[in-house]
């Protein structure tokens, strides 16, 4: 029988493996593409709508507040919000079903120039699936942070990242959150270089 120390060390190794997933070529490419897409969205006057369930909703709220508030650099607020209003969510769940708690938010607040970002560790969250459908109806770009095999959502969005190889949601969420922090850091980097009129930055996504 493993000691508690052994179990802790095993979990630490599993956590490190989740973070190491970000070193993969496709992970780095997703982070870069995501940062450029969000900057382009802000440049055209759009906003980011973010959603998730449970811990992923907490991550969505954290994502939004780091953009609309401040991350590492002093800069203007960026238009981002999590679809997390409990009054609205309970109203929709009661009047329709929980399946539509995010789709109705996208329908009400989303515009063509906006981006919808969904966070899911399985790709099978029905309310994220419906939100993506609603965003596509609005001709919004969609980005999905996914996990496991990708589930129903695999291949349905403009940009997706699937954190594979983990049985439980917690490790996937840890990888998601680290990627989110790096994406915000890169958004600030791109924005600051653009403001400084730096010539050697690739602004092809934000022109």
C-alpha atoms as a PDB file:
ATOM      1  CA  UNK A   1       0.000   0.000   0.000  1.00  0.00           C
ATOM      2  CA  UNK A   2       1.356   3.401  -0.980  1.00  0.00           C
ATOM      3  CA  UNK A   3       2.120   5.904   1.772  1.00  0.00           C
ATOM      4  CA  UNK A   4       0.533   9.360   1.700  1.00  0.00           C
ATOM      5  CA  UNK A   5       3.926  10.804   0.719  1.00  0.00           C
ATOM      6  CA  UNK A   6       4.118   8.417  -2.229  1.00  0.00           C
ATOM      7  CA  UNK A   7       0.632   9.443  -3.342  1.00  0.00           C
ATOM      8  CA  UNK A   8       1.547  13.111  -3.077  1.00  0.00           C
ATOM      9  CA  UNK A   9       4.696  12.598  -5.153  1.00  0.00           C
ATOM     10  CA  UNK A  10       2.666  10.679  -7.741  1.00  0.00           C
ATOM     11  CA  UNK A  11       0.128  13.497  -7.958  1.00  0.00           C
ATOM     12  CA  UNK A  12       2.918  16.070  -8.261  1.00  0.00           C
ATOM     13  CA  UNK A  13       4.353  14.121 -11.184  1.00  0.00           C
ATOM     14  CA  UNK A  14       0.909  13.970 -12.796  1.00  0.00           C
ATOM     15  CA  UNK A  15       0.551  17.736 -12.347  1.00  0.00           C
ATOM     16  CA  UNK A  16       3.924  18.304 -13.971  1.00  0.00           C
ATOM     17  CA  UNK A  17       2.864  16.109 -16.876  1.00  0.00           C
ATOM     18  CA  UNK A  18      -0.207  18.323 -17.356  1.00  0.00           C
ATOM     19  CA  UNK A  19       1.960  21.443 -17.505  1.00  0.00           C
ATOM     20  CA  UNK A  20       4.441  19.736 -19.839  1.00  0.00           C
ATOM     21  CA  UNK A  21       1.563  19.205 -22.262  1.00  0.00           C
ATOM     22  CA  UNK A  22       1.909  22.918 -23.060  1.00  0.00           C
ATOM     23  CA  UNK A  23       5.325  22.248 -24.591  1.00  0.00           C
ATOM     24  CA  UNK A  24       3.764  20.311 -27.446  1.00  0.00           C
ATOM     25  CA  UNK A  25       3.969  22.014 -30.838  1.00  0.00           C
ATOM     26  CA  UNK A  26       0.181  22.083 -31.211  1.00  0.00           C
ATOM     27  CA  UNK A  27      -0.205  23.623 -27.733  1.00  0.00           C
ATOM     28  CA  UNK A  28       2.230  26.447 -28.488  1.00  0.00           C
ATOM     29  CA  UNK A  29       0.508  27.052 -31.837  1.00  0.00           C
ATOM     30  CA  UNK A  30      -2.905  27.187 -30.158  1.00  0.00           C
ATOM     31  CA  UNK A  31      -1.685  29.740 -27.619  1.00  0.00           C
ATOM     32  CA  UNK A  32      -0.222  31.930 -30.372  1.00  0.00           C
ATOM     33  CA  UNK A  33      -3.312  31.688 -32.590  1.00  0.00           C
ATOM     34  CA  UNK A  34      -5.622  32.331 -29.652  1.00  0.00           C
ATOM     35  CA  UNK A  35      -3.707  35.453 -28.600  1.00  0.00           C
ATOM     36  CA  UNK A  36      -3.731  36.870 -32.128  1.00  0.00           C
ATOM     37  CA  UNK A  37      -7.440  36.134 -32.613  1.00  0.00           C
ATOM     38  CA  UNK A  38      -8.361  37.870 -29.361  1.00  0.00           C
ATOM     39  CA  UNK A  39      -6.240  40.927 -30.151  1.00  0.00           C
ATOM     40  CA  UNK A  40      -7.859  41.105 -33.601  1.00  0.00           C
ATOM     41  CA  UNK A  41     -11.277  40.882 -31.957  1.00  0.00           C
ATOM     42  CA  UNK A  42     -10.506  43.793 -29.648  1.00  0.00           C
ATOM     43  CA  UNK A  43      -9.074  45.818 -32.538  1.00  0.00           C
ATOM     44  CA  UNK A  44     -12.317  45.489 -34.527  1.00  0.00           C
ATOM     45  CA  UNK A  45     -14.346  46.610 -31.505  1.00  0.00           C
ATOM     46  CA  UNK A  46     -15.478  43.154 -30.426  1.00  0.00           C
ATOM     47  CA  UNK A  47     -15.611  41.461 -27.051  1.00  0.00           C
ATOM     48  CA  UNK A  48     -14.927  38.019 -25.622  1.00  0.00           C
ATOM     49  CA  UNK A  49     -17.720  35.916 -24.097  1.00  0.00           C
ATOM     50  CA  UNK A  50     -16.420  32.980 -22.033  1.00  0.00           C
ATOM     51  CA  UNK A  51     -18.262  30.016 -20.510  1.00  0.00           C
ATOM     52  CA  UNK A  52     -17.657  26.767 -18.669  1.00  0.00           C
ATOM     53  CA  UNK A  53     -19.115  24.525 -15.976  1.00  0.00           C
ATOM     54  CA  UNK A  54     -17.957  24.135 -12.380  1.00  0.00           C
ATOM     55  CA  UNK A  55     -14.214  24.684 -12.152  1.00  0.00           C
ATOM     56  CA  UNK A  56     -14.179  25.655 -15.819  1.00  0.00           C
ATOM     57  CA  UNK A  57     -16.675  28.443 -15.087  1.00  0.00           C
ATOM     58  CA  UNK A  58     -14.319  29.695 -12.371  1.00  0.00           C
ATOM     59  CA  UNK A  59     -11.534  29.619 -14.981  1.00  0.00           C
ATOM     60  CA  UNK A  60     -13.790  31.519 -17.402  1.00  0.00           C
ATOM     61  CA  UNK A  61     -14.370  34.214 -14.786  1.00  0.00           C
ATOM     62  CA  UNK A  62     -10.648  34.407 -14.082  1.00  0.00           C
ATOM     63  CA  UNK A  63      -9.912  34.677 -17.819  1.00  0.00           C
ATOM     64  CA  UNK A  64     -12.374  37.560 -18.171  1.00  0.00           C
ATOM     65  CA  UNK A  65     -11.259  39.531 -15.134  1.00  0.00           C
ATOM     66  CA  UNK A  66      -7.592  39.353 -16.123  1.00  0.00           C
ATOM     67  CA  UNK A  67      -8.529  40.952 -19.454  1.00  0.00           C
ATOM     68  CA  UNK A  68     -11.052  43.517 -18.250  1.00  0.00           C
ATOM     69  CA  UNK A  69      -8.973  44.228 -15.157  1.00  0.00           C
ATOM     70  CA  UNK A  70      -5.223  43.883 -15.372  1.00  0.00           C
ATOM     71  CA  UNK A  71      -2.709  41.050 -15.655  1.00  0.00           C
ATOM     72  CA  UNK A  72       0.957  42.080 -15.606  1.00  0.00           C
ATOM     73  CA  UNK A  73       1.008  45.377 -17.483  1.00  0.00           C
ATOM     74  CA  UNK A  74      -0.838  48.642 -16.990  1.00  0.00           C
ATOM     75  CA  UNK A  75      -3.031  49.117 -20.062  1.00  0.00           C
ATOM     76  CA  UNK A  76      -6.637  49.950 -21.021  1.00  0.00           C
ATOM     77  CA  UNK A  77      -9.352  47.513 -19.993  1.00  0.00           C
ATOM     78  CA  UNK A  78     -10.208  44.848 -22.555  1.00  0.00           C
ATOM     79  CA  UNK A  79     -13.797  43.844 -23.290  1.00  0.00           C
ATOM     80  CA  UNK A  80     -14.290  40.363 -21.849  1.00  0.00           C
ATOM     81  CA  UNK A  81     -16.970  38.778 -19.705  1.00  0.00           C
ATOM     82  CA  UNK A  82     -17.830  35.354 -18.368  1.00  0.00           C
ATOM     83  CA  UNK A  83     -21.399  34.140 -18.809  1.00  0.00           C
ATOM     84  CA  UNK A  84     -21.731  33.595 -15.079  1.00  0.00           C
ATOM     85  CA  UNK A  85     -24.683  35.679 -13.871  1.00  0.00           C
ATOM     86  CA  UNK A  86     -26.443  33.275 -11.487  1.00  0.00           C
ATOM     87  CA  UNK A  87     -29.784  35.054 -11.859  1.00  0.00           C
ATOM     88  CA  UNK A  88     -29.692  34.743 -15.626  1.00  0.00           C
ATOM     89  CA  UNK A  89     -28.446  31.159 -15.510  1.00  0.00           C
ATOM     90  CA  UNK A  90     -31.139  30.020 -13.065  1.00  0.00           C
ATOM     91  CA  UNK A  91     -33.821  31.822 -15.095  1.00  0.00           C
ATOM     92  CA  UNK A  92     -32.773  30.092 -18.314  1.00  0.00           C
ATOM     93  CA  UNK A  93     -32.359  26.710 -16.627  1.00  0.00           C
ATOM     94  CA  UNK A  94     -35.832  27.025 -15.109  1.00  0.00           C
ATOM     95  CA  UNK A  95     -37.638  28.389 -18.181  1.00  0.00           C
ATOM     96  CA  UNK A  96     -35.815  26.346 -20.833  1.00  0.00           C
ATOM     97  CA  UNK A  97     -33.209  23.853 -19.561  1.00  0.00           C
ATOM     98  CA  UNK A  98     -29.638  23.940 -18.282  1.00  0.00           C
ATOM     99  CA  UNK A  99     -28.577  22.996 -21.784  1.00  0.00           C
ATOM    100  CA  UNK A 100     -29.237  26.587 -22.913  1.00  0.00           C
ATOM    101  CA  UNK A 101     -27.781  28.635 -20.036  1.00  0.00           C
ATOM    102  CA  UNK A 102     -24.882  29.849 -22.187  1.00  0.00           C
ATOM    103  CA  UNK A 103     -26.557  29.787 -25.606  1.00  0.00           C
ATOM    104  CA  UNK A 104     -29.151  32.339 -24.469  1.00  0.00           C
ATOM    105  CA  UNK A 105     -26.371  34.554 -23.138  1.00  0.00           C
ATOM    106  CA  UNK A 106     -24.584  34.355 -26.479  1.00  0.00           C
ATOM    107  CA  UNK A 107     -27.855  35.069 -28.297  1.00  0.00           C
ATOM    108  CA  UNK A 108     -28.506  38.118 -26.119  1.00  0.00           C
ATOM    109  CA  UNK A 109     -25.019  39.608 -25.963  1.00  0.00           C
ATOM    110  CA  UNK A 110     -23.053  38.195 -28.891  1.00  0.00           C
ATOM    111  CA  UNK A 111     -22.310  40.133 -32.065  1.00  0.00           C
ATOM    112  CA  UNK A 112     -20.560  39.157 -35.298  1.00  0.00           C
ATOM    113  CA  UNK A 113     -17.362  40.938 -34.259  1.00  0.00           C
ATOM    114  CA  UNK A 114     -17.156  38.980 -30.967  1.00  0.00           C
ATOM    115  CA  UNK A 115     -15.534  35.669 -29.989  1.00  0.00           C
ATOM    116  CA  UNK A 116     -17.094  32.924 -27.894  1.00  0.00           C
ATOM    117  CA  UNK A 117     -14.668  30.870 -25.798  1.00  0.00           C
ATOM    118  CA  UNK A 118     -15.837  27.615 -24.236  1.00  0.00           C
ATOM    119  CA  UNK A 119     -13.972  25.707 -21.545  1.00  0.00           C
ATOM    120  CA  UNK A 120     -14.716  21.992 -21.157  1.00  0.00           C
ATOM    121  CA  UNK A 121     -12.661  19.047 -19.947  1.00  0.00           C
ATOM    122  CA  UNK A 122     -14.612  16.435 -21.918  1.00  0.00           C
ATOM    123  CA  UNK A 123     -16.015  18.140 -25.007  1.00  0.00           C
ATOM    124  CA  UNK A 124     -19.431  16.745 -24.093  1.00  0.00           C
ATOM    125  CA  UNK A 125     -20.936  19.630 -22.114  1.00  0.00           C
ATOM    126  CA  UNK A 126     -24.317  20.116 -23.795  1.00  0.00           C
ATOM    127  CA  UNK A 127     -24.537  23.776 -22.790  1.00  0.00           C
ATOM    128  CA  UNK A 128     -21.158  24.538 -24.381  1.00  0.00           C
ATOM    129  CA  UNK A 129     -22.229  22.692 -27.539  1.00  0.00           C
ATOM    130  CA  UNK A 130     -25.393  24.820 -27.719  1.00  0.00           C
ATOM    131  CA  UNK A 131     -23.400  27.988 -27.059  1.00  0.00           C
ATOM    132  CA  UNK A 132     -21.091  27.199 -29.982  1.00  0.00           C
ATOM    133  CA  UNK A 133     -24.157  26.669 -32.191  1.00  0.00           C
ATOM    134  CA  UNK A 134     -25.594  30.015 -31.049  1.00  0.00           C
ATOM    135  CA  UNK A 135     -22.271  31.756 -31.721  1.00  0.00           C
ATOM    136  CA  UNK A 136     -22.111  30.301 -35.221  1.00  0.00           C
ATOM    137  CA  UNK A 137     -25.646  31.571 -35.869  1.00  0.00           C
ATOM    138  CA  UNK A 138     -24.348  35.012 -34.880  1.00  0.00           C
ATOM    139  CA  UNK A 139     -21.327  34.491 -37.206  1.00  0.00           C
ATOM    140  CA  UNK A 140     -18.985  34.806 -34.226  1.00  0.00           C
ATOM    141  CA  UNK A 141     -15.601  33.116 -34.079  1.00  0.00           C
ATOM    142  CA  UNK A 142     -15.404  30.242 -31.607  1.00  0.00           C
ATOM    143  CA  UNK A 143     -12.514  28.929 -29.528  1.00  0.00           C
ATOM    144  CA  UNK A 144     -12.664  25.771 -27.409  1.00  0.00           C
ATOM    145  CA  UNK A 145     -10.351  24.646 -24.601  1.00  0.00           C
ATOM    146  CA  UNK A 146     -11.075  20.923 -24.617  1.00  0.00           C
ATOM    147  CA  UNK A 147      -9.915  17.692 -23.001  1.00  0.00           C
ATOM    148  CA  UNK A 148      -9.807  13.881 -23.083  1.00  0.00           C
ATOM    149  CA  UNK A 149     -10.860  12.730 -26.588  1.00  0.00           C
ATOM    150  CA  UNK A 150     -12.524  16.023 -27.546  1.00  0.00           C
ATOM    151  CA  UNK A 151     -16.055  14.618 -27.328  1.00  0.00           C
ATOM    152  CA  UNK A 152     -18.980  16.041 -29.282  1.00  0.00           C
ATOM    153  CA  UNK A 153     -17.258  19.409 -29.636  1.00  0.00           C
ATOM    154  CA  UNK A 154     -14.212  18.056 -31.450  1.00  0.00           C
ATOM    155  CA  UNK A 155     -13.825  19.844 -34.772  1.00  0.00           C
ATOM    156  CA  UNK A 156     -16.830  22.151 -34.317  1.00  0.00           C
ATOM    157  CA  UNK A 157     -14.954  25.370 -33.530  1.00  0.00           C
ATOM    158  CA  UNK A 158     -12.679  27.721 -35.436  1.00  0.00           C
ATOM    159  CA  UNK A 159      -9.857  27.007 -33.006  1.00  0.00           C
ATOM    160  CA  UNK A 160      -9.573  24.227 -30.426  1.00  0.00           C
ATOM    161  CA  UNK A 161      -7.054  22.695 -28.070  1.00  0.00           C
ATOM    162  CA  UNK A 162      -7.536  19.192 -26.703  1.00  0.00           C
ATOM    163  CA  UNK A 163      -5.581  18.258 -23.574  1.00  0.00           C
ATOM    164  CA  UNK A 164      -5.371  14.490 -23.971  1.00  0.00           C
ATOM    165  CA  UNK A 165      -4.083  11.688 -21.767  1.00  0.00           C
ATOM    166  CA  UNK A 166      -5.675  12.574 -18.437  1.00  0.00           C
ATOM    167  CA  UNK A 167      -8.454  10.618 -16.722  1.00  0.00           C
ATOM    168  CA  UNK A 168      -9.652  13.392 -14.424  1.00  0.00           C
ATOM    169  CA  UNK A 169     -10.759  16.966 -15.076  1.00  0.00           C
ATOM    170  CA  UNK A 170      -8.453  18.617 -12.547  1.00  0.00           C
ATOM    171  CA  UNK A 171      -5.248  18.045 -14.515  1.00  0.00           C
ATOM    172  CA  UNK A 172      -6.914  19.240 -17.735  1.00  0.00           C
ATOM    173  CA  UNK A 173      -8.084  22.390 -15.946  1.00  0.00           C
ATOM    174  CA  UNK A 174      -4.544  22.991 -14.674  1.00  0.00           C
ATOM    175  CA  UNK A 175      -3.235  22.896 -18.243  1.00  0.00           C
ATOM    176  CA  UNK A 176      -6.104  25.139 -19.391  1.00  0.00           C
ATOM    177  CA  UNK A 177      -5.396  27.714 -16.681  1.00  0.00           C
ATOM    178  CA  UNK A 178      -1.682  27.876 -17.442  1.00  0.00           C
ATOM    179  CA  UNK A 179      -2.460  28.335 -21.145  1.00  0.00           C
ATOM    180  CA  UNK A 180      -4.942  31.091 -20.285  1.00  0.00           C
ATOM    181  CA  UNK A 181      -2.316  32.971 -18.285  1.00  0.00           C
ATOM    182  CA  UNK A 182       0.205  32.706 -21.134  1.00  0.00           C
ATOM    183  CA  UNK A 183      -2.411  33.823 -23.675  1.00  0.00           C
ATOM    184  CA  UNK A 184      -3.184  36.926 -21.614  1.00  0.00           C
ATOM    185  CA  UNK A 185       0.541  37.620 -21.266  1.00  0.00           C
ATOM    186  CA  UNK A 186       0.932  37.384 -25.059  1.00  0.00           C
ATOM    187  CA  UNK A 187      -2.110  39.618 -25.639  1.00  0.00           C
ATOM    188  CA  UNK A 188      -0.441  42.274 -23.515  1.00  0.00           C
ATOM    189  CA  UNK A 189       2.843  41.737 -25.377  1.00  0.00           C
ATOM    190  CA  UNK A 190       1.224  42.091 -28.807  1.00  0.00           C
ATOM    191  CA  UNK A 191      -0.781  45.116 -27.710  1.00  0.00           C
ATOM    192  CA  UNK A 192       2.191  46.897 -26.157  1.00  0.00           C
ATOM    193  CA  UNK A 193       4.419  46.285 -29.195  1.00  0.00           C
ATOM    194  CA  UNK A 194       1.684  47.552 -31.504  1.00  0.00           C
ATOM    195  CA  UNK A 195       1.315  50.700 -29.403  1.00  0.00           C
ATOM    196  CA  UNK A 196       5.083  51.210 -29.598  1.00  0.00           C
ATOM    197  CA  UNK A 197       4.961  50.780 -33.399  1.00  0.00           C
ATOM    198  CA  UNK A 198       7.545  47.999 -33.268  1.00  0.00           C
ATOM    199  CA  UNK A 199       8.290  47.005 -36.861  1.00  0.00           C
ATOM    200  CA  UNK A 200       9.342  43.387 -36.398  1.00  0.00           C
ATOM    201  CA  UNK A 201       6.170  42.067 -34.773  1.00  0.00           C
ATOM    202  CA  UNK A 202       3.900  39.976 -36.960  1.00  0.00           C
ATOM    203  CA  UNK A 203       0.588  41.814 -36.901  1.00  0.00           C
ATOM    204  CA  UNK A 204      -0.954  39.882 -39.776  1.00  0.00           C
ATOM    205  CA  UNK A 205      -3.786  38.737 -37.487  1.00  0.00           C
ATOM    206  CA  UNK A 206      -4.564  42.216 -36.180  1.00  0.00           C
ATOM    207  CA  UNK A 207      -4.437  44.361 -39.306  1.00  0.00           C
END
